[in-house]
Amino acid sequence: MSSMRPDTARFLSGDERDLLATVDAFTDDYVRPRVRDLEAENTYPEEIVERMKELGFFGLLVPEEYGGTAVSTSAFALVTESLARGWMSLAGAIGGHSVVSFLLREFGTDEQKQRHLPRMATGELRVTMALTEPSGGSDLQAMRTTARPHPDHGGYVLRGEKTWISNARRSGCLAVLCRTDPDAVPAHRGMSVLLVERQERVRVSGDLPKLGYRGVEACTVTFDDVEVPARDVVGGVPGQGWAQMMRALEVGRIQVAARAVGVAQAALGEALDYSQLRETFGKPIWQHQQVGAQLATMATKVSAARLLMLDAAARVDAGERADLEAGMAKLFASEIAVEAALDAMRVHGAYGYSKEYDVERLYRDAPLMVIGEGTNEIQKNVIARRLVERWRR
C-alpha cells in the first residue's frame, strides 16, 4: 500500500519533499512488514528506532547549528503522518522528544541548547514531557508537583508524581511542568518547566497496560525530593513555564493530529484494498453503492483533517499563535481516525474483527488521539475561548 497522500508539495521545500519520500519508503518497506509481529508481542521496536536515529528523525525540530534537520512544522507533521500510517507507536517514539526540542529551540538558554540539543538531534539523548498527574488529567493548573527552593543552594527540590509518560524508561531527561511558586495567583504564574535528568530519586514504574499504542511504554514517574540545579529551569527564569509549555503544546497537538491522520489514512488504504479484492453478487464490493459512498466519505474527511493539520502547522512556522488551529486539527483529525477505523472494519465485515488484518490494530490505536494531549472535551473549551477572543477583536 502506498501513502496515497494527495499532493502536498506546495507545503514543502525541495529538501523536505525528498525527506518525506524517504520516510514513505521507510514506512512501506521497513516498518509495515514488521509491525504485526512487534505489535502482537508488545515489543519495543529497538531495531526500528535505531534506524530512525540514523535517518535523523529525532532531530527534525532541532536547529541545524546543533546538528538537527530543522524542517518546517508542516514537514514534521507529514513525517509524523507517514510514520503513524505504518505504526502509530513509532510516531509516539519521537512525539514528546520533538515537542521538547521545539520548547528548547524557542525558550531554552544558550547553555541549555548547547548541552542538550546536539545529543537530542542524534537520539543519543532521549527526552520526554511530564505533564499529566494521577489526580489532574487534562487540568494542568490543578497539578500538585512542586519544586521548592533548595535550602543550601539556588536550585530546587522537586517532589510529585506524573503519569502516562510515554518513553519514560528510555528517556535520559524529562521536561517537567511543576509549581515553583505554589502561592502564585493565578496558579499558572507560579509554574516552571524543569529539565530533570534521570537519577536514583526519579523512579519509573512498570508499563501501564494499554488497549493499543503498543511497543512504546507509558509509565508513572515519581520525583522523590529530586535536586534540580537552577540552570535547568527552561529559559533561566522561573514562572514562565505555563506560557512556554502552552506554546510547545501547539506543536504537540499538531503532532497528535498528524498521528490521527496517519491512522485514518491507513484505515482508508486498507478499506480501498479490501473493497477491490472482495467480491459479492458478482462484483467488487466498492461498486455497491453503500460501500462506495462510505469510501468517498472517508477519503474526503481524511483530506480535510490533513488540511486542518497543515493550516495549524503553517501558523506555527509563521510565528503566530496556533492554539485555536491546533486544537481544531487535533479535535477533528482524532475523531475522524476513530470513525475511519470503524468504517474500515465495516468494509472488511467479519474479517475486520480478526487480528489477521491491520484494521483491528488501527481500531485499538485510534482512541488514544481523542484522549491524549488534552482530551477533545478540553480542546472544545480551548477552541470556544479563542473563537470568542478573536471575534471580540
Protein backbone atom coordinates (compact mmCIF):
# COMPACT_ATOMS: atom_id res chain seq x y z
CA MET A 1 0.00 0.00 0.00
CA SER A 2 1.47 3.36 -0.99
CA SER A 3 0.90 6.52 1.03
CA MET A 4 -1.98 7.63 -1.24
CA ARG A 5 -1.37 11.14 0.09
CA PRO A 6 -2.68 13.92 -2.15
CA ASP A 7 -0.04 16.29 -3.49
CA THR A 8 1.47 18.24 -0.59
CA ALA A 9 4.44 19.70 -2.48
CA ARG A 10 3.18 23.26 -2.07
CA PHE A 11 3.65 22.95 1.70
CA LEU A 12 7.27 21.76 1.50
CA SER A 13 10.69 22.77 0.24
CA GLY A 14 12.57 20.55 -2.21
CA ASP A 15 14.69 19.03 0.55
CA GLU A 16 11.58 18.40 2.63
CA ARG A 17 9.91 16.61 -0.27
CA ASP A 18 12.96 14.36 -0.55
CA LEU A 19 12.82 13.70 3.19
CA LEU A 20 9.14 12.77 3.01
CA ALA A 21 9.81 10.37 0.14
CA THR A 22 12.49 8.73 2.30
CA VAL A 23 10.06 8.42 5.20
CA ASP A 24 7.34 6.93 2.98
CA ALA A 25 9.80 4.33 1.67
CA PHE A 26 10.96 3.58 5.22
CA THR A 27 7.34 3.12 6.33
CA ASP A 28 6.31 0.90 3.42
CA ASP A 29 9.46 -1.19 3.03
CA TYR A 30 10.86 -1.40 6.56
CA VAL A 31 8.04 -0.81 9.06
CA ARG A 32 4.94 -2.39 7.61
CA PRO A 33 6.47 -5.88 7.10
CA ARG A 34 7.48 -5.96 10.79
CA VAL A 35 4.67 -4.21 12.62
CA ARG A 36 2.23 -7.07 13.06
CA ASP A 37 4.71 -9.28 14.91
CA LEU A 38 6.09 -6.43 17.04
CA GLU A 39 2.63 -5.16 17.94
CA ALA A 40 1.32 -8.60 18.85
CA GLU A 41 4.31 -9.21 21.14
CA ASN A 42 4.09 -5.67 22.58
CA THR A 43 7.83 -5.46 21.93
CA TYR A 44 9.76 -2.20 21.97
CA PRO A 45 10.92 -1.67 18.36
CA GLU A 46 14.60 -1.21 19.20
CA GLU A 47 15.87 -2.01 15.70
CA ILE A 48 13.40 0.33 14.01
CA VAL A 49 14.10 3.16 16.46
CA GLU A 50 17.85 2.82 15.87
CA ARG A 51 17.17 3.15 12.15
CA MET A 52 15.05 6.24 12.85
CA LYS A 53 18.01 7.75 14.69
CA GLU A 54 20.28 7.09 11.71
CA LEU A 55 17.78 8.78 9.38
CA GLY A 56 17.66 11.89 11.59
CA PHE A 57 14.04 11.61 12.73
CA PHE A 58 14.89 12.63 16.31
CA GLY A 59 16.39 15.92 15.13
CA LEU A 60 13.54 17.15 12.94
CA LEU A 61 12.83 20.23 15.09
CA VAL A 62 16.42 20.85 16.21
CA PRO A 63 18.22 23.79 14.52
CA GLU A 64 20.97 22.87 12.08
CA GLU A 65 23.59 24.64 14.19
CA TYR A 66 23.01 21.99 16.85
CA GLY A 67 23.14 19.10 14.39
CA GLY A 68 19.43 18.85 13.63
CA THR A 69 17.48 18.60 10.39
CA ALA A 70 15.42 21.74 11.13
CA VAL A 71 12.41 21.10 8.90
CA SER A 72 9.23 23.18 8.93
CA THR A 73 6.38 22.23 11.23
CA SER A 74 4.43 21.23 8.11
CA ALA A 75 7.14 18.77 7.11
CA PHE A 76 7.36 17.47 10.67
CA ALA A 77 3.60 16.85 10.64
CA LEU A 78 3.73 14.98 7.32
CA VAL A 79 6.66 12.87 8.51
CA THR A 80 4.64 12.02 11.63
CA GLU A 81 1.64 11.12 9.48
CA SER A 82 3.74 8.77 7.37
CA LEU A 83 5.19 7.01 10.42
CA ALA A 84 1.74 6.66 12.01
CA ARG A 85 0.39 5.24 8.77
CA GLY A 86 2.86 2.39 9.23
CA TRP A 87 2.58 2.08 13.02
CA MET A 88 1.25 4.80 15.28
CA SER A 89 3.63 3.81 18.07
CA LEU A 90 6.62 4.98 16.01
CA ALA A 91 5.16 8.47 15.80
CA GLY A 92 4.86 8.29 19.58
CA ALA A 93 8.51 7.36 19.89
CA ILE A 94 9.51 10.81 18.60
CA GLY A 95 6.44 12.73 19.84
CA GLY A 96 7.35 14.16 23.24
CA HIS A 97 11.02 14.30 22.25
CA SER A 98 10.20 16.59 19.32
CA VAL A 99 7.95 18.82 21.42
CA VAL A 100 10.78 19.31 23.92
CA SER A 101 13.14 20.03 21.01
CA PHE A 102 10.78 22.83 19.98
CA LEU A 103 10.48 24.02 23.59
CA LEU A 104 14.26 24.34 23.95
CA ARG A 105 14.65 25.83 20.48
CA GLU A 106 12.18 28.59 21.31
CA PHE A 107 12.76 29.21 25.03
CA GLY A 108 15.95 27.47 26.19
CA THR A 109 19.02 29.36 27.35
CA ASP A 110 22.13 29.18 25.19
CA GLU A 111 23.68 26.83 27.74
CA GLN A 112 20.62 24.55 27.73
CA LYS A 113 20.60 24.39 23.94
CA GLN A 114 24.31 23.62 23.72
CA ARG A 115 24.09 20.96 26.44
CA HIS A 116 21.02 19.10 25.20
CA LEU A 117 20.14 19.74 21.56
CA PRO A 118 23.16 18.14 19.82
CA ARG A 119 22.58 14.85 21.65
CA MET A 120 18.83 15.11 21.15
CA ALA A 121 19.33 15.57 17.41
CA THR A 122 21.09 12.22 17.11
CA GLY A 123 18.79 10.43 19.53
CA GLU A 124 21.72 9.76 21.86
CA LEU A 125 19.70 11.67 24.47
CA ARG A 126 16.01 10.82 24.52
CA VAL A 127 13.74 13.39 26.19
CA THR A 128 10.05 13.36 27.03
CA MET A 129 7.44 15.61 28.63
CA ALA A 130 6.00 15.07 32.11
CA LEU A 131 2.71 16.95 32.43
CA THR A 132 -0.22 14.72 33.43
CA GLU A 133 -0.81 13.81 37.08
CA PRO A 134 -2.92 10.98 38.51
CA SER A 135 -5.47 13.34 40.08
CA GLY A 136 -5.42 16.10 37.47
CA GLY A 137 -5.69 14.62 33.98
CA SER A 138 -6.10 17.42 31.46
CA ASP A 139 -6.44 20.04 34.22
CA LEU A 140 -2.79 21.06 34.30
CA GLN A 141 -3.42 24.05 36.57
CA ALA A 142 -4.53 21.63 39.30
CA MET A 143 -1.10 19.99 39.42
CA ARG A 144 0.46 19.18 42.77
CA THR A 145 4.06 18.55 41.74
CA THR A 146 6.18 21.23 43.37
CA ALA A 147 9.78 22.39 43.18
CA ARG A 148 10.69 24.32 46.30
CA PRO A 149 13.90 26.34 46.72
CA HIS A 150 16.81 24.23 47.91
CA PRO A 151 17.82 25.29 51.44
CA ASP A 152 21.55 25.32 50.66
CA HIS A 153 21.92 26.46 47.06
CA GLY A 154 19.99 28.26 44.32
CA GLY A 155 18.34 25.20 42.87
CA TYR A 156 15.12 23.34 43.63
CA VAL A 157 13.86 20.20 45.35
CA LEU A 158 11.27 18.52 43.13
CA ARG A 159 8.54 16.35 44.62
CA GLY A 160 5.45 14.85 42.99
CA GLU A 161 4.15 12.30 40.53
CA LYS A 162 3.40 12.30 36.81
CA THR A 163 1.62 9.58 34.89
CA TRP A 164 1.04 8.32 31.34
CA ILE A 165 4.55 9.41 30.43
CA SER A 166 5.50 7.93 27.04
CA ASN A 167 9.07 6.72 26.59
CA ALA A 168 9.66 7.24 30.31
CA ARG A 169 12.19 4.45 30.76
CA ARG A 170 14.15 5.26 27.62
CA SER A 171 14.44 9.00 28.22
CA GLY A 172 17.52 10.35 29.92
CA CYS A 173 15.85 13.67 30.67
CA LEU A 174 12.29 14.80 31.38
CA ALA A 175 10.79 18.26 30.86
CA VAL A 176 8.64 18.54 33.99
CA LEU A 177 5.94 21.19 34.37
CA CYS A 178 5.66 21.95 38.09
CA ARG A 179 4.92 24.65 40.64
CA THR A 180 7.94 26.67 41.70
CA ASP A 181 5.68 29.18 43.47
CA PRO A 182 2.71 27.27 44.95
CA ASP A 183 1.19 30.51 46.33
CA ALA A 184 1.04 32.34 42.99
CA VAL A 185 -2.34 33.71 41.89
CA PRO A 186 -3.42 32.80 39.29
CA ALA A 187 -1.77 29.39 39.61
CA HIS A 188 -0.13 29.37 36.17
CA ARG A 189 2.09 32.32 37.11
CA GLY A 190 3.91 30.09 39.56
CA MET A 191 4.75 27.32 37.10
CA SER A 192 8.09 26.45 35.54
CA VAL A 193 9.47 23.75 33.29
CA LEU A 194 12.45 21.93 34.78
CA LEU A 195 14.85 19.74 32.79
CA VAL A 196 15.25 16.77 35.11
CA GLU A 197 17.94 14.23 34.31
CA ARG A 198 17.37 10.61 35.29
CA GLN A 199 18.81 9.73 38.68
CA GLU A 200 18.12 7.47 41.64
CA ARG A 201 15.32 9.63 43.07
CA VAL A 202 13.49 9.69 39.73
CA ARG A 203 11.54 6.44 39.96
CA VAL A 204 9.82 4.99 36.89
CA SER A 205 7.04 2.41 37.26
CA GLY A 206 6.43 -0.61 35.10
CA ASP A 207 4.42 -0.23 31.92
CA LEU A 208 0.81 0.85 32.25
CA PRO A 209 -1.34 -1.70 30.37
CA LYS A 210 -2.94 -0.17 27.27
CA LEU A 211 -5.64 -1.05 24.75
CA GLY A 212 -3.41 -0.05 21.83
CA TYR A 213 -0.31 2.08 21.24
CA ARG A 214 1.79 -0.98 21.96
CA GLY A 215 5.56 -1.31 21.86
CA VAL A 216 6.16 2.16 23.35
CA GLU A 217 5.91 2.26 27.13
CA ALA A 218 3.76 4.62 29.17
CA CYS A 219 4.71 4.82 32.85
CA THR A 220 4.20 6.68 36.10
CA VAL A 221 7.20 8.73 37.22
CA THR A 222 7.72 9.70 40.86
CA PHE A 223 10.05 12.52 41.89
CA ASP A 224 11.21 11.91 45.45
CA ASP A 225 12.91 15.12 46.60
CA VAL A 226 14.98 15.35 43.42
CA GLU A 227 17.59 18.11 43.48
CA VAL A 228 17.47 20.20 40.31
CA PRO A 229 20.05 22.95 39.63
CA ALA A 230 18.76 26.45 38.90
CA ARG A 231 20.39 26.25 35.45
CA ASP A 232 17.78 23.62 34.50
CA VAL A 233 14.80 25.98 34.63
CA VAL A 234 13.84 26.32 30.96
CA GLY A 235 14.65 29.87 29.88
CA GLY A 236 16.52 30.54 33.13
CA VAL A 237 13.63 32.45 34.73
CA PRO A 238 11.06 30.69 36.94
CA GLY A 239 7.35 31.38 36.49
CA GLN A 240 7.40 31.24 32.70
CA GLY A 241 6.63 27.53 32.33
CA TRP A 242 2.92 27.72 31.62
CA ALA A 243 3.28 30.06 28.65
CA GLN A 244 6.28 28.09 27.38
CA MET A 245 4.51 24.74 27.57
CA MET A 246 1.26 26.03 26.06
CA ARG A 247 3.22 27.22 23.03
CA ALA A 248 5.06 23.90 22.78
CA LEU A 249 1.78 22.01 23.09
CA GLU A 250 0.57 23.70 19.92
CA VAL A 251 3.21 21.60 18.17
CA GLY A 252 2.24 18.65 20.35
CA ARG A 253 -1.38 18.87 19.25
CA ILE A 254 -0.37 19.19 15.62
CA GLN A 255 1.72 16.05 16.12
CA VAL A 256 -1.26 14.19 17.63
CA ALA A 257 -3.42 15.39 14.72
CA ALA A 258 -0.76 14.04 12.35
CA ARG A 259 -0.78 10.68 14.13
CA ALA A 260 -4.56 10.62 13.75
CA VAL A 261 -4.37 11.47 10.05
CA GLY A 262 -1.85 8.66 9.61
CA VAL A 263 -4.12 6.13 11.30
CA ALA A 264 -7.14 7.36 9.31
CA GLN A 265 -5.14 7.20 6.07
CA ALA A 266 -4.05 3.66 6.88
CA ALA A 267 -7.65 2.67 7.57
CA LEU A 268 -8.75 4.20 4.28
CA GLY A 269 -5.98 2.36 2.45
CA GLU A 270 -6.93 -0.97 3.98
CA ALA A 271 -10.59 -0.40 3.07
CA LEU A 272 -9.72 0.54 -0.51
CA ASP A 273 -7.51 -2.53 -0.93
CA TYR A 274 -10.05 -4.93 0.51
CA SER A 275 -13.02 -3.43 -1.33
CA GLN A 276 -11.32 -4.10 -4.69
CA LEU A 277 -10.36 -7.70 -3.82
CA ARG A 278 -13.58 -8.79 -2.12
CA GLU A 279 -16.46 -9.64 -4.45
CA THR A 280 -20.13 -10.20 -3.69
CA PHE A 281 -23.00 -10.68 -6.09
CA GLY A 282 -20.54 -10.86 -8.97
CA LYS A 283 -18.66 -7.58 -8.50
CA PRO A 284 -16.08 -5.91 -6.21
CA ILE A 285 -17.81 -4.58 -3.13
CA TRP A 286 -16.69 -0.98 -3.76
CA GLN A 287 -19.14 -0.97 -6.65
CA HIS A 288 -22.02 -1.47 -4.24
CA GLN A 289 -23.46 1.96 -3.58
CA GLN A 290 -23.25 1.83 0.20
CA VAL A 291 -19.59 0.76 0.26
CA GLY A 292 -18.58 3.21 -2.45
CA ALA A 293 -20.27 6.06 -0.58
CA GLN A 294 -18.50 5.03 2.60
CA LEU A 295 -15.10 5.13 0.89
CA ALA A 296 -15.84 8.53 -0.64
CA THR A 297 -16.81 9.98 2.73
CA MET A 298 -13.75 8.52 4.44
CA ALA A 299 -11.39 9.96 1.82
CA THR A 300 -12.99 13.40 1.98
CA LYS A 301 -12.74 13.59 5.77
CA VAL A 302 -9.15 12.36 5.84
CA SER A 303 -8.14 15.04 3.33
CA ALA A 304 -9.98 17.71 5.35
CA ALA A 305 -8.21 16.60 8.54
CA ARG A 306 -4.82 16.80 6.80
CA LEU A 307 -5.51 20.34 5.60
CA LEU A 308 -6.53 21.46 9.10
CA MET A 309 -3.27 19.97 10.38
CA LEU A 310 -1.20 21.78 7.75
CA ASP A 311 -3.01 25.07 8.35
CA ALA A 312 -2.10 24.92 12.03
CA ALA A 313 1.49 23.99 11.17
CA ALA A 314 1.77 26.95 8.78
CA ARG A 315 0.74 29.33 11.56
CA VAL A 316 3.44 27.95 13.85
CA ASP A 317 6.02 28.39 11.08
CA ALA A 318 4.85 31.98 10.63
CA GLY A 319 5.48 32.67 14.32
CA GLU A 320 1.76 33.13 15.05
CA ARG A 321 -0.30 31.66 17.85
CA ALA A 322 -1.89 28.43 16.71
CA ASP A 323 -3.76 27.23 19.79
CA LEU A 324 -7.12 27.61 18.03
CA GLU A 325 -5.98 25.97 14.81
CA ALA A 326 -4.00 23.21 16.55
CA GLY A 327 -7.00 22.47 18.77
CA MET A 328 -9.30 22.27 15.75
CA ALA A 329 -6.89 20.00 13.90
CA LYS A 330 -6.45 17.69 16.88
CA LEU A 331 -10.19 17.57 17.57
CA PHE A 332 -11.28 16.87 14.00
CA ALA A 333 -8.46 14.53 13.00
CA SER A 334 -8.73 12.36 16.10
CA GLU A 335 -12.49 11.94 15.73
CA ILE A 336 -12.00 11.08 12.06
CA ALA A 337 -9.36 8.49 12.97
CA VAL A 338 -11.83 6.66 15.22
CA GLU A 339 -14.57 6.95 12.60
CA ALA A 340 -12.33 5.77 9.75
CA ALA A 341 -11.00 2.81 11.74
CA LEU A 342 -14.55 1.63 12.47
CA ASP A 343 -15.67 2.23 8.87
CA ALA A 344 -12.71 0.19 7.61
CA MET A 345 -13.77 -2.66 9.90
CA ARG A 346 -17.27 -2.46 8.45
CA VAL A 347 -15.93 -2.64 4.91
CA HIS A 348 -14.00 -5.77 5.90
CA GLY A 349 -17.03 -7.33 7.55
CA ALA A 350 -16.17 -10.15 9.95
CA TYR A 351 -12.53 -10.10 8.81
CA GLY A 352 -12.19 -6.58 10.21
CA TYR A 353 -12.61 -8.08 13.68
CA SER A 354 -9.77 -10.53 13.08
CA LYS A 355 -6.14 -9.96 14.01
CA GLU A 356 -5.26 -11.25 10.56
CA TYR A 357 -5.99 -7.75 9.21
CA ASP A 358 -4.43 -4.46 10.27
CA VAL A 359 -7.76 -2.66 10.73
CA GLU A 360 -8.16 -4.40 14.10
CA ARG A 361 -4.96 -2.73 15.30
CA LEU A 362 -5.97 0.64 13.86
CA TYR A 363 -9.27 0.41 15.71
CA ARG A 364 -7.36 -0.03 19.01
CA ASP A 365 -4.82 2.72 18.28
CA ALA A 366 -7.25 5.42 17.17
CA PRO A 367 -8.91 6.31 20.53
CA LEU A 368 -5.62 7.45 22.05
CA MET A 369 -5.66 10.60 19.91
CA VAL A 370 -9.12 11.52 21.21
CA ILE A 371 -7.82 11.35 24.79
CA GLY A 372 -4.12 12.24 24.57
CA GLU A 373 -2.51 15.71 24.56
CA GLY A 374 -5.63 17.15 26.20
CA THR A 375 -8.95 15.37 25.74
CA ASN A 376 -11.23 16.51 22.96
CA GLU A 377 -13.58 17.95 25.55
CA ILE A 378 -10.71 20.20 26.68
CA GLN A 379 -9.98 21.06 23.04
CA LYS A 380 -13.55 22.28 22.60
CA ASN A 381 -13.16 24.58 25.61
CA VAL A 382 -9.91 25.99 24.18
CA ILE A 383 -11.46 26.46 20.74
CA ALA A 384 -14.52 28.23 22.18
CA ARG A 385 -12.40 30.65 24.25
CA ARG A 386 -10.14 31.52 21.35
CA LEU A 387 -13.06 31.98 18.97
CA VAL A 388 -14.69 34.48 21.35
CA GLU A 389 -11.41 36.33 21.89
CA ARG A 390 -10.75 36.69 18.17
CA TRP A 391 -14.35 37.67 17.46
CA ARG A 392 -14.18 40.44 20.05
CA ARG A 393 -11.12 41.88 18.33
